[in-house]
Amino acid sequence: MLILLDQLAHNLLIWFARRLKRYLPPTVHLGLRRLVRDVLSIHGLLLFDHHANLHTVLLDSAHPFAYAIFRAFRDEWFSAHLSLSLHKF
């Protein structure tokens, strides 16, 4: 079971990196270690409604990868009736 979870995590990271790469400058190289350390450690805020359902994710606009993440995933969030926004913390 641990091997399957490891494969799932690896595949999700690869998918995330490929998706994000389209919105980054060509000089930026994202290996898995850098992806986890630099990109997925972005500060933000999750907002829930009174039924504990997630409705908004606020990303720190000062983070160097925030705009790329916003552009890469905003359409999916919008189609799921969720809000993905940049915010200055």
PDB file of N, CA and C in Angstrom:
ATOM      1  N   MET A   1       0.820  -1.176   0.000  1.00  0.00           N
ATOM      2  CA  MET A   1       0.000   0.000   0.000  1.00  0.00           C
ATOM      3  C   MET A   1       0.876   1.256   0.000  1.00  0.00           C
ATOM      4  N   LEU A   2       1.977   1.228   0.728  1.00  0.00           N
ATOM      5  CA  LEU A   2       2.870   2.387   0.741  1.00  0.00           C
ATOM      6  C   LEU A   2       3.462   2.654  -0.634  1.00  0.00           C
ATOM      7  N   ILE A   3       3.751   1.611  -1.363  1.00  0.00           N
ATOM      8  CA  ILE A   3       4.299   1.781  -2.719  1.00  0.00           C
ATOM      9  C   ILE A   3       3.265   2.451  -3.613  1.00  0.00           C
ATOM     10  N   LEU A   4       2.013   2.048  -3.493  1.00  0.00           N
ATOM     11  CA  LEU A   4       0.961   2.675  -4.307  1.00  0.00           C
ATOM     12  C   LEU A   4       0.770   4.140  -3.930  1.00  0.00           C
ATOM     13  N   LEU A   5       0.823   4.459  -2.644  1.00  0.00           N
ATOM     14  CA  LEU A   5       0.716   5.853  -2.231  1.00  0.00           C
ATOM     15  C   LEU A   5       1.897   6.674  -2.737  1.00  0.00           C
ATOM     16  N   ASP A   6       3.079   6.071  -2.723  1.00  0.00           N
ATOM     17  CA  ASP A   6       4.268   6.742  -3.248  1.00  0.00           C
ATOM     18  C   ASP A   6       4.112   7.018  -4.743  1.00  0.00           C
ATOM     19  N   GLN A   7       3.613   6.055  -5.479  1.00  0.00           N
ATOM     20  CA  GLN A   7       3.395   6.246  -6.913  1.00  0.00           C
ATOM     21  C   GLN A   7       2.349   7.328  -7.177  1.00  0.00           C
ATOM     22  N   LEU A   8       1.292   7.335  -6.384  1.00  0.00           N
ATOM     23  CA  LEU A   8       0.264   8.361  -6.544  1.00  0.00           C
ATOM     24  C   LEU A   8       0.828   9.747  -6.286  1.00  0.00           C
ATOM     25  N   ALA A   9       1.593   9.904  -5.200  1.00  0.00           N
ATOM     26  CA  ALA A   9       2.195  11.201  -4.888  1.00  0.00           C
ATOM     27  C   ALA A   9       3.145  11.628  -6.005  1.00  0.00           C
ATOM     28  N   HIS A  10       3.955  10.714  -6.489  1.00  0.00           N
ATOM     29  CA  HIS A  10       4.894  11.031  -7.565  1.00  0.00           C
ATOM     30  C   HIS A  10       4.147  11.470  -8.821  1.00  0.00           C
ATOM     31  N   ASN A  11       3.109  10.749  -9.191  1.00  0.00           N
ATOM     32  CA  ASN A  11       2.346  11.090 -10.393  1.00  0.00           C
ATOM     33  C   ASN A  11       1.648  12.440 -10.253  1.00  0.00           C
ATOM     34  N   LEU A  12       1.133  12.746  -9.067  1.00  0.00           N
ATOM     35  CA  LEU A  12       0.507  14.047  -8.849  1.00  0.00           C
ATOM     36  C   LEU A  12       1.526  15.182  -8.954  1.00  0.00           C
ATOM     37  N   LEU A  13       2.715  14.969  -8.424  1.00  0.00           N
ATOM     38  CA  LEU A  13       3.762  15.992  -8.527  1.00  0.00           C
ATOM     39  C   LEU A  13       4.180  16.200  -9.980  1.00  0.00           C
ATOM     40  N   ILE A  14       4.317  15.125 -10.732  1.00  0.00           N
ATOM     41  CA  ILE A  14       4.681  15.246 -12.149  1.00  0.00           C
ATOM     42  C   ILE A  14       3.586  15.993 -12.911  1.00  0.00           C
ATOM     43  N   TRP A  15       2.330  15.654 -12.668  1.00  0.00           N
ATOM     44  CA  TRP A  15       1.229  16.347 -13.337  1.00  0.00           C
ATOM     45  C   TRP A  15       1.228  17.831 -12.980  1.00  0.00           C
ATOM     46  N   PHE A  16       1.401  18.134 -11.696  1.00  0.00           N
ATOM     47  CA  PHE A  16       1.425  19.519 -11.244  1.00  0.00           C
ATOM     48  C   PHE A  16       2.562  20.282 -11.908  1.00  0.00           C
ATOM     49  N   ALA A  17       3.758  19.691 -11.966  1.00  0.00           N
ATOM     50  CA  ALA A  17       4.924  20.354 -12.555  1.00  0.00           C
ATOM     51  C   ALA A  17       4.714  20.607 -14.047  1.00  0.00           C
ATOM     52  N   ARG A  18       4.166  19.636 -14.754  1.00  0.00           N
ATOM     53  CA  ARG A  18       3.927  19.821 -16.199  1.00  0.00           C
ATOM     54  C   ARG A  18       2.896  20.914 -16.449  1.00  0.00           C
ATOM     55  N   ARG A  19       1.876  20.926 -15.628  1.00  0.00           N
ATOM     56  CA  ARG A  19       0.838  21.938 -15.777  1.00  0.00           C
ATOM     57  C   ARG A  19       1.388  23.336 -15.504  1.00  0.00           C
ATOM     58  N   LEU A  20       2.197  23.446 -14.462  1.00  0.00           N
ATOM     59  CA  LEU A  20       2.754  24.724 -14.061  1.00  0.00           C
ATOM     60  C   LEU A  20       3.817  25.219 -15.041  1.00  0.00           C
ATOM     61  N   LYS A  21       4.529  24.298 -15.662  1.00  0.00           N
ATOM     62  CA  LYS A  21       5.635  24.661 -16.556  1.00  0.00           C
ATOM     63  C   LYS A  21       5.171  25.548 -17.720  1.00  0.00           C
ATOM     64  N   ARG A  22       3.935  25.375 -18.161  1.00  0.00           N
ATOM     65  CA  ARG A  22       3.407  26.184 -19.267  1.00  0.00           C
ATOM     66  C   ARG A  22       3.325  27.674 -18.928  1.00  0.00           C
ATOM     67  N   TYR A  23       3.274  27.987 -17.641  1.00  0.00           N
ATOM     68  CA  TYR A  23       3.084  29.362 -17.201  1.00  0.00           C
ATOM     69  C   TYR A  23       4.322  29.972 -16.563  1.00  0.00           C
ATOM     70  N   LEU A  24       5.435  29.266 -16.630  1.00  0.00           N
ATOM     71  CA  LEU A  24       6.696  29.767 -16.079  1.00  0.00           C
ATOM     72  C   LEU A  24       7.625  30.195 -17.202  1.00  0.00           C
ATOM     73  N   PRO A  25       8.551  31.102 -16.932  1.00  0.00           N
ATOM     74  CA  PRO A  25       9.543  31.447 -17.949  1.00  0.00           C
ATOM     75  C   PRO A  25      10.368  30.212 -18.328  1.00  0.00           C
ATOM     76  N   PRO A  26      10.839  30.139 -19.572  1.00  0.00           N
ATOM     77  CA  PRO A  26      11.588  28.948 -20.007  1.00  0.00           C
ATOM     78  C   PRO A  26      12.895  28.741 -19.254  1.00  0.00           C
ATOM     79  N   THR A  27      13.385  29.747 -18.575  1.00  0.00           N
ATOM     80  CA  THR A  27      14.637  29.598 -17.838  1.00  0.00           C
ATOM     81  C   THR A  27      14.450  28.917 -16.483  1.00  0.00           C
ATOM     82  N   VAL A  28      13.211  28.751 -16.039  1.00  0.00           N
ATOM     83  CA  VAL A  28      12.941  28.139 -14.739  1.00  0.00           C
ATOM     84  C   VAL A  28      12.836  26.632 -14.905  1.00  0.00           C
ATOM     85  N   HIS A  29      13.658  25.903 -14.180  1.00  0.00           N
ATOM     86  CA  HIS A  29      13.613  24.442 -14.197  1.00  0.00           C
ATOM     87  C   HIS A  29      13.062  23.944 -12.866  1.00  0.00           C
ATOM     88  N   LEU A  30      12.033  23.149 -12.917  1.00  0.00           N
ATOM     89  CA  LEU A  30      11.423  22.625 -11.700  1.00  0.00           C
ATOM     90  C   LEU A  30      11.647  21.126 -11.596  1.00  0.00           C
ATOM     91  N   GLY A  31      12.585  20.726 -10.756  1.00  0.00           N
ATOM     92  CA  GLY A  31      12.705  19.328 -10.396  1.00  0.00           C
ATOM     93  C   GLY A  31      11.723  19.035  -9.275  1.00  0.00           C
ATOM     94  N   LEU A  32      11.580  17.774  -8.936  1.00  0.00           N
ATOM     95  CA  LEU A  32      10.625  17.425  -7.889  1.00  0.00           C
ATOM     96  C   LEU A  32      11.002  18.038  -6.548  1.00  0.00           C
ATOM     97  N   ARG A  33      12.273  18.045  -6.230  1.00  0.00           N
ATOM     98  CA  ARG A  33      12.707  18.606  -4.951  1.00  0.00           C
ATOM     99  C   ARG A  33      12.397  20.103  -4.878  1.00  0.00           C
ATOM    100  N   ARG A  34      12.699  20.828  -5.950  1.00  0.00           N
ATOM    101  CA  ARG A  34      12.421  22.268  -5.958  1.00  0.00           C
ATOM    102  C   ARG A  34      10.922  22.544  -5.972  1.00  0.00           C
ATOM    103  N   LEU A  35      10.175  21.703  -6.671  1.00  0.00           N
ATOM    104  CA  LEU A  35       8.726  21.864  -6.707  1.00  0.00           C
ATOM    105  C   LEU A  35       8.145  21.774  -5.297  1.00  0.00           C
ATOM    106  N   VAL A  36       8.539  20.774  -4.551  1.00  0.00           N
ATOM    107  CA  VAL A  36       8.018  20.602  -3.198  1.00  0.00           C
ATOM    108  C   VAL A  36       8.535  21.705  -2.275  1.00  0.00           C
ATOM    109  N   ARG A  37       9.825  22.003  -2.358  1.00  0.00           N
ATOM    110  CA  ARG A  37      10.437  22.972  -1.444  1.00  0.00           C
ATOM    111  C   ARG A  37       9.995  24.405  -1.720  1.00  0.00           C
ATOM    112  N   ASP A  38       9.974  24.811  -2.984  1.00  0.00           N
ATOM    113  CA  ASP A  38       9.741  26.222  -3.315  1.00  0.00           C
ATOM    114  C   ASP A  38       8.312  26.544  -3.740  1.00  0.00           C
ATOM    115  N   VAL A  39       7.712  25.683  -4.529  1.00  0.00           N
ATOM    116  CA  VAL A  39       6.400  25.999  -5.090  1.00  0.00           C
ATOM    117  C   VAL A  39       5.274  25.597  -4.145  1.00  0.00           C
ATOM    118  N   LEU A  40       5.318  24.397  -3.633  1.00  0.00           N
ATOM    119  CA  LEU A  40       4.218  23.919  -2.803  1.00  0.00           C
ATOM    120  C   LEU A  40       4.266  24.439  -1.372  1.00  0.00           C
ATOM    121  N   SER A  41       5.233  25.263  -1.069  1.00  0.00           N
ATOM    122  CA  SER A  41       5.302  25.862   0.264  1.00  0.00           C
ATOM    123  C   SER A  41       4.769  27.293   0.268  1.00  0.00           C
ATOM    124  N   ILE A  42       4.010  27.637  -0.735  1.00  0.00           N
ATOM    125  CA  ILE A  42       3.470  28.987  -0.851  1.00  0.00           C
ATOM    126  C   ILE A  42       2.495  29.260   0.305  1.00  0.00           C
ATOM    127  N   HIS A  43       2.581  30.442   0.866  1.00  0.00           N
ATOM    128  CA  HIS A  43       1.665  30.828   1.932  1.00  0.00           C
ATOM    129  C   HIS A  43       0.311  31.179   1.343  1.00  0.00           C
ATOM    130  N   GLY A  44      -0.697  30.914   2.097  1.00  0.00           N
ATOM    131  CA  GLY A  44      -2.031  31.231   1.629  1.00  0.00           C
ATOM    132  C   GLY A  44      -3.048  31.085   2.736  1.00  0.00           C
ATOM    133  N   LEU A  45      -4.289  31.150   2.344  1.00  0.00           N
ATOM    134  CA  LEU A  45      -5.384  31.086   3.296  1.00  0.00           C
ATOM    135  C   LEU A  45      -6.536  30.321   2.649  1.00  0.00           C
ATOM    136  N   LEU A  46      -7.113  29.386   3.401  1.00  0.00           N
ATOM    137  CA  LEU A  46      -8.283  28.649   2.945  1.00  0.00           C
ATOM    138  C   LEU A  46      -9.502  29.219   3.642  1.00  0.00           C
ATOM    139  N   LEU A  47     -10.537  29.511   2.895  1.00  0.00           N
ATOM    140  CA  LEU A  47     -11.774  30.052   3.460  1.00  0.00           C
ATOM    141  C   LEU A  47     -12.901  29.039   3.278  1.00  0.00           C
ATOM    142  N   PHE A  48     -13.617  28.774   4.371  1.00  0.00           N
ATOM    143  CA  PHE A  48     -14.702  27.802   4.380  1.00  0.00           C
ATOM    144  C   PHE A  48     -16.017  28.498   4.705  1.00  0.00           C
ATOM    145  N   ASP A  49     -17.114  27.919   4.226  1.00  0.00           N
ATOM    146  CA  ASP A  49     -18.418  28.457   4.586  1.00  0.00           C
ATOM    147  C   ASP A  49     -18.877  27.865   5.920  1.00  0.00           C
ATOM    148  N   HIS A  50     -20.094  28.189   6.345  1.00  0.00           N
ATOM    149  CA  HIS A  50     -20.581  27.734   7.648  1.00  0.00           C
ATOM    150  C   HIS A  50     -20.877  26.233   7.691  1.00  0.00           C
ATOM    151  N   HIS A  51     -20.858  25.553   6.531  1.00  0.00           N
ATOM    152  CA  HIS A  51     -21.012  24.095   6.473  1.00  0.00           C
ATOM    153  C   HIS A  51     -19.664  23.389   6.354  1.00  0.00           C
ATOM    154  N   ALA A  52     -18.578  24.134   6.530  1.00  0.00           N
ATOM    155  CA  ALA A  52     -17.203  23.612   6.451  1.00  0.00           C
ATOM    156  C   ALA A  52     -16.834  23.161   5.037  1.00  0.00           C
ATOM    157  N   ASN A  53     -17.415  23.794   4.029  1.00  0.00           N
ATOM    158  CA  ASN A  53     -17.062  23.524   2.637  1.00  0.00           C
ATOM    159  C   ASN A  53     -16.084  24.595   2.164  1.00  0.00           C
ATOM    160  N   LEU A  54     -15.012  24.150   1.543  1.00  0.00           N
ATOM    161  CA  LEU A  54     -14.022  25.088   1.003  1.00  0.00           C
ATOM    162  C   LEU A  54     -14.649  25.886  -0.130  1.00  0.00           C
ATOM    163  N   HIS A  55     -14.459  27.214  -0.118  1.00  0.00           N
ATOM    164  CA  HIS A  55     -14.995  28.028  -1.217  1.00  0.00           C
ATOM    165  C   HIS A  55     -13.949  28.962  -1.808  1.00  0.00           C
ATOM    166  N   THR A  56     -12.869  29.272  -1.085  1.00  0.00           N
ATOM    167  CA  THR A  56     -11.867  30.204  -1.603  1.00  0.00           C
ATOM    168  C   THR A  56     -10.478  29.805  -1.132  1.00  0.00           C
ATOM    169  N   VAL A  57      -9.531  29.925  -2.046  1.00  0.00           N
ATOM    170  CA  VAL A  57      -8.116  29.775  -1.703  1.00  0.00           C
ATOM    171  C   VAL A  57      -7.432  31.086  -2.070  1.00  0.00           C
ATOM    172  N   LEU A  58      -6.796  31.701  -1.095  1.00  0.00           N
ATOM    173  CA  LEU A  58      -6.040  32.933  -1.314  1.00  0.00           C
ATOM    174  C   LEU A  58      -4.563  32.588  -1.301  1.00  0.00           C
ATOM    175  N   LEU A  59      -3.851  32.944  -2.356  1.00  0.00           N
ATOM    176  CA  LEU A  59      -2.416  32.712  -2.454  1.00  0.00           C
ATOM    177  C   LEU A  59      -1.673  34.016  -2.218  1.00  0.00           C
ATOM    178  N   ASP A  60      -0.530  33.924  -1.569  1.00  0.00           N
ATOM    179  CA  ASP A  60       0.304  35.095  -1.299  1.00  0.00           C
ATOM    180  C   ASP A  60       0.876  35.622  -2.616  1.00  0.00           C
ATOM    181  N   SER A  61       0.466  36.815  -3.004  1.00  0.00           N
ATOM    182  CA  SER A  61       0.890  37.375  -4.291  1.00  0.00           C
ATOM    183  C   SER A  61       2.377  37.722  -4.331  1.00  0.00           C
ATOM    184  N   ALA A  62       3.024  37.795  -3.179  1.00  0.00           N
ATOM    185  CA  ALA A  62       4.453  38.109  -3.150  1.00  0.00           C
ATOM    186  C   ALA A  62       5.325  36.895  -3.467  1.00  0.00           C
ATOM    187  N   HIS A  63       4.743  35.711  -3.441  1.00  0.00           N
ATOM    188  CA  HIS A  63       5.506  34.499  -3.735  1.00  0.00           C
ATOM    189  C   HIS A  63       5.864  34.476  -5.224  1.00  0.00           C
ATOM    190  N   PRO A  64       7.103  34.094  -5.576  1.00  0.00           N
ATOM    191  CA  PRO A  64       7.505  34.157  -6.991  1.00  0.00           C
ATOM    192  C   PRO A  64       6.721  33.236  -7.929  1.00  0.00           C
ATOM    193  N   PHE A  65       6.093  32.184  -7.417  1.00  0.00           N
ATOM    194  CA  PHE A  65       5.349  31.263  -8.273  1.00  0.00           C
ATOM    195  C   PHE A  65       3.838  31.434  -8.150  1.00  0.00           C
ATOM    196  N   ALA A  66       3.370  32.400  -7.376  1.00  0.00           N
ATOM    197  CA  ALA A  66       1.932  32.549  -7.117  1.00  0.00           C
ATOM    198  C   ALA A  66       1.147  32.835  -8.394  1.00  0.00           C
ATOM    199  N   TYR A  67       1.635  33.728  -9.222  1.00  0.00           N
ATOM    200  CA  TYR A  67       0.883  34.079 -10.428  1.00  0.00           C
ATOM    201  C   TYR A  67       0.820  32.904 -11.400  1.00  0.00           C
ATOM    202  N   ALA A  68       1.897  32.141 -11.494  1.00  0.00           N
ATOM    203  CA  ALA A  68       1.900  30.972 -12.375  1.00  0.00           C
ATOM    204  C   ALA A  68       0.908  29.920 -11.886  1.00  0.00           C
ATOM    205  N   ILE A  69       0.861  29.692 -10.593  1.00  0.00           N
ATOM    206  CA  ILE A  69      -0.109  28.740 -10.038  1.00  0.00           C
ATOM    207  C   ILE A  69      -1.529  29.243 -10.275  1.00  0.00           C
ATOM    208  N   PHE A  70      -1.740  30.516 -10.061  1.00  0.00           N
ATOM    209  CA  PHE A  70      -3.059  31.115 -10.294  1.00  0.00           C
ATOM    210  C   PHE A  70      -3.499  30.906 -11.739  1.00  0.00           C
ATOM    211  N   ARG A  71      -2.631  31.210 -12.689  1.00  0.00           N
ATOM    212  CA  ARG A  71      -2.984  31.059 -14.105  1.00  0.00           C
ATOM    213  C   ARG A  71      -3.184  29.602 -14.493  1.00  0.00           C
ATOM    214  N   ALA A  72      -2.393  28.710 -13.908  1.00  0.00           N
ATOM    215  CA  ALA A  72      -2.461  27.300 -14.289  1.00  0.00           C
ATOM    216  C   ALA A  72      -3.735  26.615 -13.799  1.00  0.00           C
ATOM    217  N   PHE A  73      -4.285  27.059 -12.670  1.00  0.00           N
ATOM    218  CA  PHE A  73      -5.378  26.310 -12.064  1.00  0.00           C
ATOM    219  C   PHE A  73      -6.677  27.082 -11.872  1.00  0.00           C
ATOM    220  N   ARG A  74      -6.749  28.332 -12.284  1.00  0.00           N
ATOM    221  CA  ARG A  74      -7.959  29.106 -12.018  1.00  0.00           C
ATOM    222  C   ARG A  74      -9.179  28.593 -12.780  1.00  0.00           C
ATOM    223  N   ASP A  75      -8.992  28.069 -13.985  1.00  0.00           N
ATOM    224  CA  ASP A  75     -10.142  27.594 -14.763  1.00  0.00           C
ATOM    225  C   ASP A  75     -10.810  26.387 -14.111  1.00  0.00           C
ATOM    226  N   GLU A  76      -9.998  25.453 -13.599  1.00  0.00           N
ATOM    227  CA  GLU A  76     -10.567  24.289 -12.927  1.00  0.00           C
ATOM    228  C   GLU A  76     -11.299  24.686 -11.644  1.00  0.00           C
ATOM    229  N   TRP A  77     -10.714  25.623 -10.902  1.00  0.00           N
ATOM    230  CA  TRP A  77     -11.359  26.076  -9.681  1.00  0.00           C
ATOM    231  C   TRP A  77     -12.673  26.772 -10.016  1.00  0.00           C
ATOM    232  N   PHE A  78     -12.666  27.580 -11.064  1.00  0.00           N
ATOM    233  CA  PHE A  78     -13.883  28.289 -11.453  1.00  0.00           C
ATOM    234  C   PHE A  78     -14.968  27.305 -11.893  1.00  0.00           C
ATOM    235  N   SER A  79     -14.586  26.292 -12.668  1.00  0.00           N
ATOM    236  CA  SER A  79     -15.579  25.313 -13.123  1.00  0.00           C
ATOM    237  C   SER A  79     -16.125  24.473 -11.969  1.00  0.00           C
ATOM    238  N   ALA A  80     -15.377  24.384 -10.877  1.00  0.00           N
ATOM    239  CA  ALA A  80     -15.851  23.672  -9.682  1.00  0.00           C
ATOM    240  C   ALA A  80     -16.563  24.615  -8.716  1.00  0.00           C
ATOM    241  N   HIS A  81     -16.843  25.840  -9.169  1.00  0.00           N
ATOM    242  CA  HIS A  81     -17.519  26.872  -8.353  1.00  0.00           C
ATOM    243  C   HIS A  81     -16.728  27.236  -7.096  1.00  0.00           C
ATOM    244  N   LEU A  82     -15.411  27.267  -7.252  1.00  0.00           N
ATOM    245  CA  LEU A  82     -14.517  27.688  -6.181  1.00  0.00           C
ATOM    246  C   LEU A  82     -13.741  28.914  -6.637  1.00  0.00           C
ATOM    247  N   SER A  83     -13.204  29.638  -5.694  1.00  0.00           N
ATOM    248  CA  SER A  83     -12.468  30.852  -6.010  1.00  0.00           C
ATOM    249  C   SER A  83     -10.989  30.675  -5.685  1.00  0.00           C
ATOM    250  N   LEU A  84     -10.137  31.009  -6.623  1.00  0.00           N
ATOM    251  CA  LEU A  84      -8.695  31.012  -6.429  1.00  0.00           C
ATOM    252  C   LEU A  84      -8.230  32.438  -6.675  1.00  0.00           C
ATOM    253  N   SER A  85      -7.620  33.070  -5.671  1.00  0.00           N
ATOM    254  CA  SER A  85      -7.276  34.476  -5.764  1.00  0.00           C
ATOM    255  C   SER A  85      -5.873  34.723  -5.251  1.00  0.00           C
ATOM    256  N   LEU A  86      -5.295  35.833  -5.732  1.00  0.00           N
ATOM    257  CA  LEU A  86      -4.019  36.305  -5.215  1.00  0.00           C
ATOM    258  C   LEU A  86      -4.312  37.397  -4.198  1.00  0.00           C
ATOM    259  N   HIS A  87      -3.558  37.385  -3.103  1.00  0.00           N
ATOM    260  CA  HIS A  87      -3.796  38.324  -2.026  1.00  0.00           C
ATOM    261  C   HIS A  87      -2.451  38.718  -1.406  1.00  0.00           C
ATOM    262  N   LYS A  88      -2.319  39.958  -1.036  1.00  0.00           N
ATOM    263  CA  LYS A  88      -1.097  40.409  -0.391  1.00  0.00           C
ATOM    264  C   LYS A  88      -1.244  40.235   1.123  1.00  0.00           C
ATOM    265  N   PHE A  89      -0.374  39.420   1.691  1.00  0.00           N
ATOM    266  CA  PHE A  89      -0.413  39.146   3.140  1.00  0.00           C
ATOM    267  C   PHE A  89       0.541  40.043   3.882  1.00  0.00           C
TER     268      PHE A  89
END
